[in-house]
Structures are given as C-alpha cells and as structure tokens.
Amino acid sequence: MEIYFDQEAIRFDEVYDRYRKDEFYSPFRSTIPLLDLIKNGKEMLRELIHELGVKEEHTYHLEYRVKPSAVRGTPSHTDLLVQGKDHVLGIEAKWTEKRYERVERWVKKGKNPNNRKVVLQGWVNIFKEFLNNPLSIEGMNNQVYQMVHRAASVCSCTTNPILAYMQFTEALQLKKDSYIYQDLSSLWSVLGHPESFPFYFVQVLIEPNQAFREIEHLEKRSAETGRKVTEALRGYEPLFTYKGKEIVKIREA
C-alpha cells in the first residue's frame, strides 16, 4: 500500500503525527473509522475502490490539499484521494457529523464576502469541462459548500474524476432519508448530470469492537482524549468490524 499525507510519501504508522492534534480530540470524528478501515479493513476498502471505478493500481493520499484559484482562500482537504493512472477518486468520510453549511450562508458569514465569491468562482471554473450547461456562482447558492470544493478538487486532478461520500453507520439508512444522498443528488443535478463525473453515496456498516468501547466515553475537546484515541488507533486491536457496504450511484431523477 503506497500512502501519502497530501503529496508526501510516508509509512502508515507515521500518519497520526501528520494530523492536527485536535483531529483526535473526539473518538467520534469520521477520521477514526477511516484510518481504522485503511489499516484493518484493507480487503473491503480494495473492493469498494474497485467497485467505484478505480480498477488500476493506485496510491492513497490522506488530507489531499487543493488550493482555490483565488489569491486568498482556504485549501480543500480531501479525506482520502485515491489516485490511479486513469481515474482519481475523492472520498469524503462521514460518521456523526452534521450537515455542513450551504454556499449562500458561507458567502455571507465571511468578513469579506466579495473575496469569498472570487474563491467560489475559482471552484466553479474547475467544473467547466464537465458541465452540460453554463453555471454561475449564484446557481450554487443552495449547494453544500464543502461538497462543492471537494468535487472541484477531484476535477482538478484528472479528466476522469469520481466523487464518493462514505457514511460510516451502525445501521444502513434508506437513501431518501440521508442528507448526504440528497446533497450529492442536488450538486450532480446542478452540474447538469455529467456522466463523465459520477457521484456515489456509500454506506459502510460498522460494529464497534472492545478497543473502541474503551475510548468511546472519553471527554471531547481534550488533549488527553487525543492521546488515548491516537494510542488506540496505533494498537493491534481493530476498533471496528466492517460488516458490509452499500454503494448507490447518483442518477438523474
């Protein structure tokens, strides 16, 4: 397994020291099952990546950074970018996180809304070769901002992009009840249903093991919690058992 943190080649056991320390201040961040899956669920992860369209040899890039084309703007950090020779798959992991804010709200809450519009235009420009219809930044107002720049990030890396949002769950959810599925469908529709840029909603069914039970009640936002969560991730015992998966391709309604 070739693994990188952004574009720096590293050993997997070095990964934990590359994240910001507060990334592990809660045992319920989606980074926890993602790293455990890479370490202890290799077979499922390989199957999943193959089914999502990356069938060639590939590398893993954690926290892959893509800067907006604007002068000032926060880079997008894709949770896991799977880079093959012909295809690039961007995977955003979710677990207990709530829905992120929509573009319209994100623009208005900034200290410099005009600069935020420039940043947004930069992301939209990346989509141009995949669009079936012209798209203005105003047309993105109802989209989730994080999803917009994650999708644009993947497009910036390849002519064959794939986007997947991966929901870790202890009980599979009907797609119609998932805000992630709804948001993916909405963005893919706004982009004009581009067949050359497929979107997927993935659910990974997990069962917490004893190793996770020992950290699940730790106080959130605590450096001591961060230390114990990192220690658990480094340990020999898997935090989760991976019971199954469901992959739903976003399609035109």
Protein backbone atom coordinates (compact mmCIF):
# COMPACT_ATOMS: atom_id res chain seq x y z
CA MET A 1 0.00 0.00 0.00
CA GLU A 2 1.53 3.29 -1.13
CA ILE A 3 0.31 6.01 1.19
CA TYR A 4 0.87 9.74 1.25
CA PHE A 5 -0.13 12.56 3.54
CA ASP A 6 -1.16 15.11 0.94
CA GLN A 7 1.72 14.53 -1.51
CA GLU A 8 4.39 13.39 0.98
CA ALA A 9 5.15 9.66 0.89
CA ILE A 10 5.06 8.21 4.41
CA ARG A 11 4.68 4.95 6.30
CA PHE A 12 1.18 4.38 7.61
CA ASP A 13 2.34 4.42 11.24
CA GLU A 14 3.56 8.00 10.64
CA VAL A 15 0.10 9.20 9.58
CA TYR A 16 -1.18 10.02 13.06
CA ASP A 17 1.54 12.60 13.67
CA ARG A 18 0.69 14.49 10.46
CA TYR A 19 -2.83 15.46 11.52
CA ARG A 20 -3.56 18.43 13.71
CA LYS A 21 -3.59 17.22 17.30
CA ASP A 22 -7.23 18.23 17.82
CA GLU A 23 -8.30 15.90 14.99
CA PHE A 24 -8.35 13.13 17.62
CA TYR A 25 -9.89 15.11 20.47
CA SER A 26 -13.12 13.14 19.96
CA PRO A 27 -13.40 9.39 19.30
CA PHE A 28 -16.42 10.10 17.06
CA ARG A 29 -14.69 12.02 14.29
CA SER A 30 -15.02 10.29 10.91
CA THR A 31 -11.22 10.25 10.66
CA ILE A 32 -11.21 7.48 13.30
CA PRO A 33 -13.07 4.77 11.34
CA LEU A 34 -11.44 5.94 8.10
CA LEU A 35 -7.92 5.32 9.42
CA ASP A 36 -9.02 2.07 11.05
CA LEU A 37 -10.55 0.95 7.73
CA ILE A 38 -7.31 1.64 5.86
CA LYS A 39 -5.34 -0.25 8.50
CA ASN A 40 -7.66 -3.13 9.37
CA GLY A 41 -10.27 -3.31 6.59
CA LYS A 42 -7.95 -3.48 3.59
CA GLU A 43 -9.97 -6.11 1.72
CA MET A 44 -13.24 -4.17 1.98
CA LEU A 45 -11.51 -0.93 1.02
CA ARG A 46 -9.95 -2.52 -2.07
CA GLU A 47 -13.31 -3.96 -3.12
CA LEU A 48 -15.01 -0.62 -2.58
CA ILE A 49 -12.46 1.33 -4.61
CA HIS A 50 -12.68 -1.22 -7.44
CA GLU A 51 -16.49 -1.02 -7.48
CA LEU A 52 -16.33 2.77 -7.55
CA GLY A 53 -14.32 2.66 -10.77
CA VAL A 54 -10.62 2.67 -9.90
CA LYS A 55 -9.56 -0.71 -11.22
CA GLU A 56 -5.92 0.09 -11.92
CA GLU A 57 -3.01 0.32 -9.48
CA HIS A 58 -3.41 3.33 -7.22
CA THR A 59 -1.99 5.32 -4.34
CA TYR A 60 -3.71 6.69 -1.23
CA HIS A 61 -3.44 10.37 -0.34
CA LEU A 62 -4.81 11.44 3.04
CA GLU A 63 -5.77 15.10 3.51
CA TYR A 64 -5.03 15.90 -0.14
CA ARG A 65 -4.82 19.68 -0.49
CA VAL A 66 -6.08 21.71 -3.43
CA LYS A 67 -5.87 25.49 -3.26
CA PRO A 68 -8.61 27.68 -4.71
CA SER A 69 -7.52 29.69 -7.71
CA ALA A 70 -8.21 32.91 -5.80
CA VAL A 71 -5.29 34.64 -4.09
CA ARG A 72 -6.84 34.25 -0.65
CA GLY A 73 -8.78 31.17 0.29
CA THR A 74 -8.58 28.07 2.46
CA PRO A 75 -7.41 24.92 0.60
CA SER A 76 -9.75 21.97 0.34
CA HIS A 77 -8.53 18.89 2.23
CA THR A 78 -9.99 15.70 0.75
CA ASP A 79 -10.12 12.96 3.40
CA LEU A 80 -8.80 10.28 1.03
CA LEU A 81 -7.80 10.78 -2.58
CA VAL A 82 -7.27 7.53 -4.48
CA GLN A 83 -5.03 8.28 -7.43
CA GLY A 84 -4.82 5.81 -10.30
CA LYS A 85 -3.28 6.14 -13.73
CA ASP A 86 -6.61 6.70 -15.46
CA HIS A 87 -9.01 7.71 -12.68
CA VAL A 88 -8.95 9.73 -9.49
CA LEU A 89 -11.46 9.04 -6.72
CA GLY A 90 -12.13 11.55 -3.98
CA ILE A 91 -13.59 10.04 -0.80
CA GLU A 92 -15.10 12.22 1.90
CA ALA A 93 -15.76 10.31 5.13
CA LYS A 94 -18.74 10.99 7.37
CA TRP A 95 -19.85 9.45 10.63
CA THR A 96 -21.54 11.55 13.30
CA GLU A 97 -21.00 14.92 11.60
CA LYS A 98 -23.99 17.11 10.87
CA ARG A 99 -24.71 18.71 7.50
CA TYR A 100 -22.29 21.49 6.60
CA GLU A 101 -23.44 24.98 5.62
CA ARG A 102 -24.73 25.91 2.19
CA VAL A 103 -22.89 28.21 -0.20
CA GLU A 104 -25.19 31.19 0.32
CA ARG A 105 -24.64 31.19 4.07
CA TRP A 106 -20.89 30.56 3.70
CA VAL A 107 -20.52 33.63 1.46
CA LYS A 108 -22.50 35.92 3.76
CA LYS A 109 -20.80 34.97 7.03
CA GLY A 110 -17.29 35.81 5.85
CA LYS A 111 -15.56 39.09 6.72
CA ASN A 112 -15.00 39.70 3.00
CA PRO A 113 -17.98 38.33 1.02
CA ASN A 114 -16.54 39.62 -2.26
CA ASN A 115 -13.37 37.59 -1.78
CA ARG A 116 -15.48 34.54 -0.93
CA LYS A 117 -17.33 34.99 -4.23
CA VAL A 118 -13.98 35.05 -6.02
CA VAL A 119 -12.98 31.83 -4.21
CA LEU A 120 -16.28 30.22 -5.17
CA GLN A 121 -15.85 31.31 -8.79
CA GLY A 122 -12.46 29.63 -8.77
CA TRP A 123 -14.02 26.33 -7.72
CA VAL A 124 -16.80 26.69 -10.30
CA ASN A 125 -14.27 27.36 -13.05
CA ILE A 126 -12.70 23.95 -12.40
CA PHE A 127 -16.01 22.27 -13.31
CA LYS A 128 -16.25 23.86 -16.77
CA GLU A 129 -15.14 20.91 -18.89
CA PHE A 130 -17.58 18.62 -17.09
CA LEU A 131 -20.65 20.87 -17.30
CA ASN A 132 -23.53 20.24 -19.67
CA ASN A 133 -24.93 23.72 -19.00
CA PRO A 134 -23.45 27.13 -18.08
CA LEU A 135 -23.17 27.60 -14.33
CA SER A 136 -22.95 30.83 -12.34
CA ILE A 137 -21.87 31.12 -8.73
CA GLU A 138 -25.44 32.19 -7.90
CA GLY A 139 -26.55 28.81 -9.21
CA MET A 140 -24.55 27.19 -6.43
CA ASN A 141 -26.26 29.02 -3.56
CA ASN A 142 -28.24 26.02 -2.31
CA GLN A 143 -25.34 23.57 -2.53
CA VAL A 144 -23.27 22.48 0.45
CA TYR A 145 -20.02 24.45 0.24
CA GLN A 146 -17.79 21.62 1.44
CA MET A 147 -19.21 19.32 -1.23
CA VAL A 148 -18.59 21.94 -3.93
CA HIS A 149 -14.89 22.30 -3.20
CA ARG A 150 -14.40 18.56 -2.62
CA ALA A 151 -15.90 17.88 -6.05
CA ALA A 152 -13.82 20.63 -7.66
CA SER A 153 -10.67 19.27 -6.02
CA VAL A 154 -11.11 15.88 -7.67
CA CYS A 155 -11.79 17.52 -11.05
CA SER A 156 -8.55 19.48 -10.74
CA CYS A 157 -6.52 16.23 -10.63
CA THR A 158 -7.80 14.29 -13.64
CA THR A 159 -10.02 14.14 -16.71
CA ASN A 160 -11.74 11.09 -15.16
CA PRO A 161 -12.89 12.19 -11.69
CA ILE A 162 -15.10 10.22 -9.31
CA LEU A 163 -16.61 11.55 -6.07
CA ALA A 164 -17.83 9.38 -3.20
CA TYR A 165 -19.21 10.36 0.19
CA MET A 166 -18.70 7.46 2.57
CA GLN A 167 -21.02 7.25 5.56
CA PHE A 168 -19.92 5.01 8.44
CA THR A 169 -23.02 3.68 10.14
CA GLU A 170 -24.19 1.00 12.57
CA ALA A 171 -27.46 0.62 10.63
CA LEU A 172 -27.90 1.08 6.89
CA GLN A 173 -30.10 4.04 6.03
CA LEU A 174 -32.61 4.43 3.21
CA LYS A 175 -31.09 6.77 0.65
CA LYS A 176 -34.15 9.04 0.69
CA ASP A 177 -33.55 9.63 4.42
CA SER A 178 -29.89 10.62 4.03
CA TYR A 179 -28.97 14.29 3.74
CA ILE A 180 -25.71 13.19 2.13
CA TYR A 181 -27.56 11.40 -0.68
CA GLN A 182 -29.85 14.41 -1.10
CA ASP A 183 -26.92 16.84 -1.28
CA LEU A 184 -24.98 14.69 -3.75
CA SER A 185 -28.07 14.42 -5.96
CA SER A 186 -28.59 18.18 -5.81
CA LEU A 187 -25.00 19.06 -6.77
CA TRP A 188 -24.84 16.48 -9.57
CA SER A 189 -28.10 17.92 -10.94
CA VAL A 190 -26.78 21.50 -10.83
CA LEU A 191 -23.69 20.36 -12.75
CA GLY A 192 -26.01 19.01 -15.45
CA HIS A 193 -25.88 15.27 -14.62
CA PRO A 194 -22.35 14.79 -16.02
CA GLU A 195 -21.87 11.11 -16.86
CA SER A 196 -18.14 11.79 -17.10
CA PHE A 197 -18.12 12.75 -13.42
CA PRO A 198 -20.00 10.09 -11.40
CA PHE A 199 -21.09 10.66 -7.79
CA TYR A 200 -21.64 7.86 -5.27
CA PHE A 201 -23.26 7.58 -1.86
CA VAL A 202 -21.52 4.81 0.08
CA GLN A 203 -22.54 3.33 3.41
CA VAL A 204 -20.08 1.20 5.37
CA LEU A 205 -21.71 -0.86 8.09
CA ILE A 206 -19.53 -0.94 11.20
CA GLU A 207 -19.69 -2.64 14.58
CA PRO A 208 -17.60 -1.12 17.38
CA ASN A 209 -15.16 -3.56 18.96
CA GLN A 210 -13.95 -3.61 22.56
CA ALA A 211 -10.98 -1.43 21.61
CA PHE A 212 -13.40 1.33 20.63
CA ARG A 213 -15.67 0.77 23.63
CA GLU A 214 -12.70 1.61 25.83
CA ILE A 215 -12.39 5.11 24.33
CA GLU A 216 -15.98 5.98 23.38
CA HIS A 217 -16.79 7.71 26.69
CA LEU A 218 -13.72 9.94 26.73
CA GLU A 219 -14.28 13.66 27.19
CA LYS A 220 -14.42 15.56 23.91
CA ARG A 221 -12.10 18.50 23.11
CA SER A 222 -9.43 17.14 25.43
CA ALA A 223 -5.74 16.70 24.69
CA GLU A 224 -5.75 13.60 26.90
CA THR A 225 -8.55 12.18 24.77
CA GLY A 226 -6.46 12.89 21.70
CA ARG A 227 -3.56 10.95 23.18
CA LYS A 228 -5.71 7.94 24.08
CA VAL A 229 -7.53 7.90 20.72
CA THR A 230 -4.22 8.02 18.86
CA GLU A 231 -2.88 5.24 21.07
CA ALA A 232 -5.94 3.12 20.27
CA LEU A 233 -5.51 3.72 16.54
CA ARG A 234 -1.87 2.65 16.77
CA GLY A 235 -2.79 -0.51 18.68
CA TYR A 236 -3.03 -4.07 17.42
CA GLU A 237 -6.76 -4.46 18.05
CA PRO A 238 -9.11 -3.14 15.33
CA LEU A 239 -11.53 -0.53 16.60
CA PHE A 240 -14.32 -1.75 14.34
CA THR A 241 -15.57 -4.80 12.48
CA TYR A 242 -16.67 -3.99 8.93
CA LYS A 243 -19.92 -5.87 8.36
CA GLY A 244 -20.84 -4.79 4.86
CA LYS A 245 -21.26 -1.93 2.43
CA GLU A 246 -23.82 -0.41 0.11
CA ILE A 247 -22.94 1.69 -2.91
CA VAL A 248 -25.56 3.88 -4.60
CA LYS A 249 -24.71 5.74 -7.78
CA ILE A 250 -26.34 9.14 -8.10
CA ARG A 251 -28.59 9.14 -11.13
CA GLU A 252 -30.82 11.57 -12.98
CA ALA A 253 -34.28 11.68 -11.42
